[in-house]
Amino acid sequence: MTMMRLQFWSFDIIFAVVIFSVAITILAFAWFNLSGQLAIVNGGGTIILQIQAQDAKQSVMSPGYPAAWQTTINTTNTLTWAGVVAGITTAPSNTTISPAKLAALESLSKYNYLASKQVVGVSYDYYITIRGGQFNISIGENPNLNKALTTEVRTASGFLNGVPVTVKVMVWTGTSLGTS
């Protein structure tokens, strides 16, 4: 019987070390990339919610885009909503609310709430209230009735048919976003 001897070449060890180093580098890169993404999702969620609340308030309290957007869309055809920003005021830097734009935004929300989030400019849920005088208007999904866990609120003042009103824009989610 012949005995086989274990042979070890220096090239083999160099090749093994290179392969091992590349594997560890790839694993470390993947780990840091994944943990960074998880930090953004968990810690940055509230920041994104805050930014969307502020942006939604500014969009809603603008004339929107195009300025006469309520006449360019079909409120029962989501294909006509592309590129539209649903603002409710009559002019830039003006707090007078257009009843026609307000009615159009209400129609969009009632017809297809999920698609209306795009024209409001949010990826989270939204709820807009307009209160003052005889007005008690609600648009969107009420966070109090839908188990909201995290809510951001922005308010603005305006005039609807000459009556002073408070516009409250709430952006909310039913999931916990962690701390920021």
Protein backbone atom coordinates (compact mmCIF):
# COMPACT_ATOMS: atom_id res chain seq x y z
CA MET A 1 0.00 0.00 0.00
CA THR A 2 1.27 3.41 -0.93
CA MET A 3 0.98 6.31 1.41
CA MET A 4 -0.01 9.69 0.10
CA ARG A 5 1.71 12.63 1.54
CA LEU A 6 -0.01 15.88 2.18
CA GLN A 7 1.57 18.49 -0.02
CA PHE A 8 1.24 22.15 0.68
CA TRP A 9 2.25 24.79 -1.82
CA SER A 10 2.77 28.43 -1.00
CA PHE A 11 0.58 29.34 -3.96
CA ASP A 12 -2.31 27.44 -2.33
CA ILE A 13 -2.12 29.46 0.88
CA ILE A 14 -1.93 32.76 -1.00
CA PHE A 15 -4.93 31.79 -3.12
CA ALA A 16 -6.92 30.73 -0.02
CA VAL A 17 -6.11 33.96 1.83
CA VAL A 18 -7.17 36.06 -1.17
CA ILE A 19 -10.48 34.21 -1.54
CA PHE A 20 -11.15 34.44 2.21
CA SER A 21 -10.33 38.18 2.25
CA VAL A 22 -12.63 38.88 -0.71
CA ALA A 23 -15.45 36.91 0.93
CA ILE A 24 -15.05 38.78 4.24
CA THR A 25 -14.93 42.15 2.42
CA ILE A 26 -18.13 41.39 0.50
CA LEU A 27 -19.86 40.19 3.68
CA ALA A 28 -18.78 43.31 5.61
CA PHE A 29 -19.93 45.61 2.79
CA ALA A 30 -23.31 43.86 2.62
CA TRP A 31 -23.71 44.01 6.41
CA PHE A 32 -22.95 47.75 6.66
CA ASN A 33 -25.18 48.52 3.69
CA LEU A 34 -28.10 46.57 5.18
CA SER A 35 -27.68 48.04 8.65
CA GLY A 36 -27.55 51.55 7.12
CA GLN A 37 -30.80 50.93 5.26
CA LEU A 38 -32.47 49.63 8.41
CA ALA A 39 -31.38 52.76 10.28
CA ILE A 40 -32.93 54.95 7.58
CA VAL A 41 -36.18 52.98 7.65
CA ASN A 42 -36.49 52.88 11.43
CA GLY A 43 -34.94 56.16 12.53
CA GLY A 44 -35.54 58.33 9.50
CA GLY A 45 -39.22 57.47 9.13
CA THR A 46 -40.38 60.18 11.50
CA ILE A 47 -38.22 62.73 9.72
CA ILE A 48 -39.77 61.75 6.39
CA LEU A 49 -43.24 61.95 7.95
CA GLN A 50 -42.47 65.46 9.25
CA ILE A 51 -41.15 66.60 5.88
CA GLN A 52 -44.18 65.19 4.07
CA ALA A 53 -46.53 66.92 6.53
CA GLN A 54 -44.83 70.27 5.92
CA ASP A 55 -44.77 69.76 2.14
CA ALA A 56 -48.42 68.66 2.11
CA LYS A 57 -49.47 71.79 4.02
CA GLN A 58 -47.54 74.01 1.63
CA SER A 59 -49.01 72.22 -1.40
CA VAL A 60 -52.58 72.31 -0.10
CA MET A 61 -52.26 76.00 0.80
CA SER A 62 -51.10 76.88 -2.71
CA PRO A 63 -53.04 77.23 -5.97
CA GLY A 64 -51.68 73.84 -7.01
CA TYR A 65 -50.28 72.85 -10.35
CA PRO A 66 -51.41 73.66 -12.92
CA ALA A 67 -53.03 76.75 -11.39
CA ALA A 68 -56.49 75.71 -12.65
CA TRP A 69 -55.90 71.98 -12.00
CA GLN A 70 -59.54 71.39 -11.01
CA THR A 71 -60.64 72.16 -14.58
CA THR A 72 -57.98 69.99 -16.25
CA ILE A 73 -58.79 66.70 -14.52
CA ASN A 74 -61.64 64.24 -14.43
CA THR A 75 -62.22 63.45 -10.76
CA THR A 76 -63.37 59.92 -11.63
CA ASN A 77 -60.42 59.08 -13.90
CA THR A 78 -57.10 58.67 -12.08
CA LEU A 79 -55.20 58.75 -15.38
CA THR A 80 -55.96 62.48 -15.64
CA TRP A 81 -54.42 63.13 -12.21
CA ALA A 82 -50.81 62.58 -13.34
CA GLY A 83 -48.59 65.58 -12.68
CA VAL A 84 -51.27 67.43 -10.73
CA VAL A 85 -50.64 69.08 -7.36
CA ALA A 86 -53.93 69.69 -5.57
CA GLY A 87 -53.73 73.13 -3.98
CA ILE A 88 -56.89 74.83 -2.74
CA THR A 89 -56.03 78.55 -2.69
CA THR A 90 -56.92 81.00 -5.43
CA ALA A 91 -53.43 82.44 -5.97
CA PRO A 92 -49.84 82.14 -4.72
CA SER A 93 -49.24 83.79 -1.31
CA ASN A 94 -53.00 84.08 -0.90
CA THR A 95 -55.00 82.39 1.85
CA THR A 96 -58.35 82.60 0.09
CA ILE A 97 -59.62 79.07 -0.51
CA SER A 98 -61.29 78.27 -3.82
CA PRO A 99 -64.58 76.39 -3.27
CA ALA A 100 -64.15 74.71 -6.68
CA LYS A 101 -60.65 73.42 -5.85
CA LEU A 102 -61.81 72.29 -2.42
CA ALA A 103 -64.74 70.39 -3.95
CA ALA A 104 -62.41 68.79 -6.53
CA LEU A 105 -59.97 67.66 -3.81
CA GLU A 106 -62.85 66.18 -1.83
CA SER A 107 -64.03 64.32 -4.94
CA LEU A 108 -60.55 62.93 -5.63
CA SER A 109 -60.23 61.66 -2.09
CA LYS A 110 -63.67 60.06 -2.06
CA TYR A 111 -63.26 58.48 -5.51
CA ASN A 112 -59.81 56.94 -4.95
CA TYR A 113 -58.12 57.78 -1.67
CA LEU A 114 -54.93 55.85 -2.44
CA ALA A 115 -54.42 57.61 -5.78
CA SER A 116 -55.26 60.98 -4.21
CA LYS A 117 -52.21 60.68 -1.92
CA GLN A 118 -50.05 61.40 -4.98
CA VAL A 119 -51.82 64.67 -5.81
CA VAL A 120 -51.59 65.74 -2.15
CA GLY A 121 -47.88 64.85 -2.26
CA VAL A 122 -47.63 62.18 0.43
CA SER A 123 -46.81 58.51 0.58
CA TYR A 124 -48.27 58.16 4.08
CA ASP A 125 -51.96 58.61 4.89
CA TYR A 126 -53.41 62.10 5.13
CA TYR A 127 -56.35 63.88 6.70
CA ILE A 128 -57.25 67.52 6.04
CA THR A 129 -59.78 69.45 8.10
CA ILE A 130 -61.14 72.92 7.49
CA ARG A 131 -62.95 74.42 10.45
CA GLY A 132 -64.41 77.84 11.09
CA GLY A 133 -67.79 79.54 11.05
CA GLN A 134 -70.31 77.13 9.56
CA PHE A 135 -67.54 75.05 7.92
CA ASN A 136 -66.61 71.60 9.19
CA ILE A 137 -64.94 69.89 6.21
CA SER A 138 -62.88 66.68 6.33
CA ILE A 139 -60.87 65.19 3.48
CA GLY A 140 -58.95 61.91 3.60
CA GLU A 141 -58.73 59.19 6.23
CA ASN A 142 -59.27 60.15 9.86
CA PRO A 143 -56.27 58.97 11.94
CA ASN A 144 -58.46 58.66 15.06
CA LEU A 145 -60.67 56.09 13.34
CA ASN A 146 -57.80 54.17 11.70
CA LYS A 147 -55.47 53.36 14.60
CA ALA A 148 -52.75 55.87 13.75
CA LEU A 149 -49.55 55.36 15.72
CA THR A 150 -47.56 58.31 14.41
CA THR A 151 -49.13 61.60 13.30
CA GLU A 152 -47.65 64.90 12.18
CA VAL A 153 -49.93 67.96 12.11
CA ARG A 154 -49.45 71.29 10.35
CA THR A 155 -51.94 74.16 10.50
CA ALA A 156 -52.60 77.23 8.43
CA SER A 157 -55.17 80.01 8.40
CA GLY A 158 -57.30 80.90 5.45
CA PHE A 159 -60.60 82.31 4.26
CA LEU A 160 -63.43 80.29 2.73
CA ASN A 161 -66.26 82.38 1.30
CA GLY A 162 -64.93 85.31 3.38
CA VAL A 163 -65.08 83.32 6.64
CA PRO A 164 -61.82 82.80 8.56
CA VAL A 165 -60.98 79.10 8.79
CA THR A 166 -58.22 76.90 10.17
CA VAL A 167 -56.78 74.34 7.79
CA LYS A 168 -55.20 71.38 9.54
CA VAL A 169 -53.13 68.93 7.47
CA MET A 170 -52.35 65.64 9.20
CA VAL A 171 -49.97 63.06 7.77
CA TRP A 172 -50.07 59.80 9.65
CA THR A 173 -49.21 56.12 9.64
CA GLY A 174 -50.51 53.06 11.42
CA THR A 175 -46.99 51.74 11.96
CA SER A 176 -44.45 52.72 14.56
CA LEU A 177 -41.58 54.68 13.01
CA GLY A 178 -39.17 54.51 15.93
CA THR A 179 -37.38 57.57 17.19
CA SER A 180 -35.44 60.17 15.29
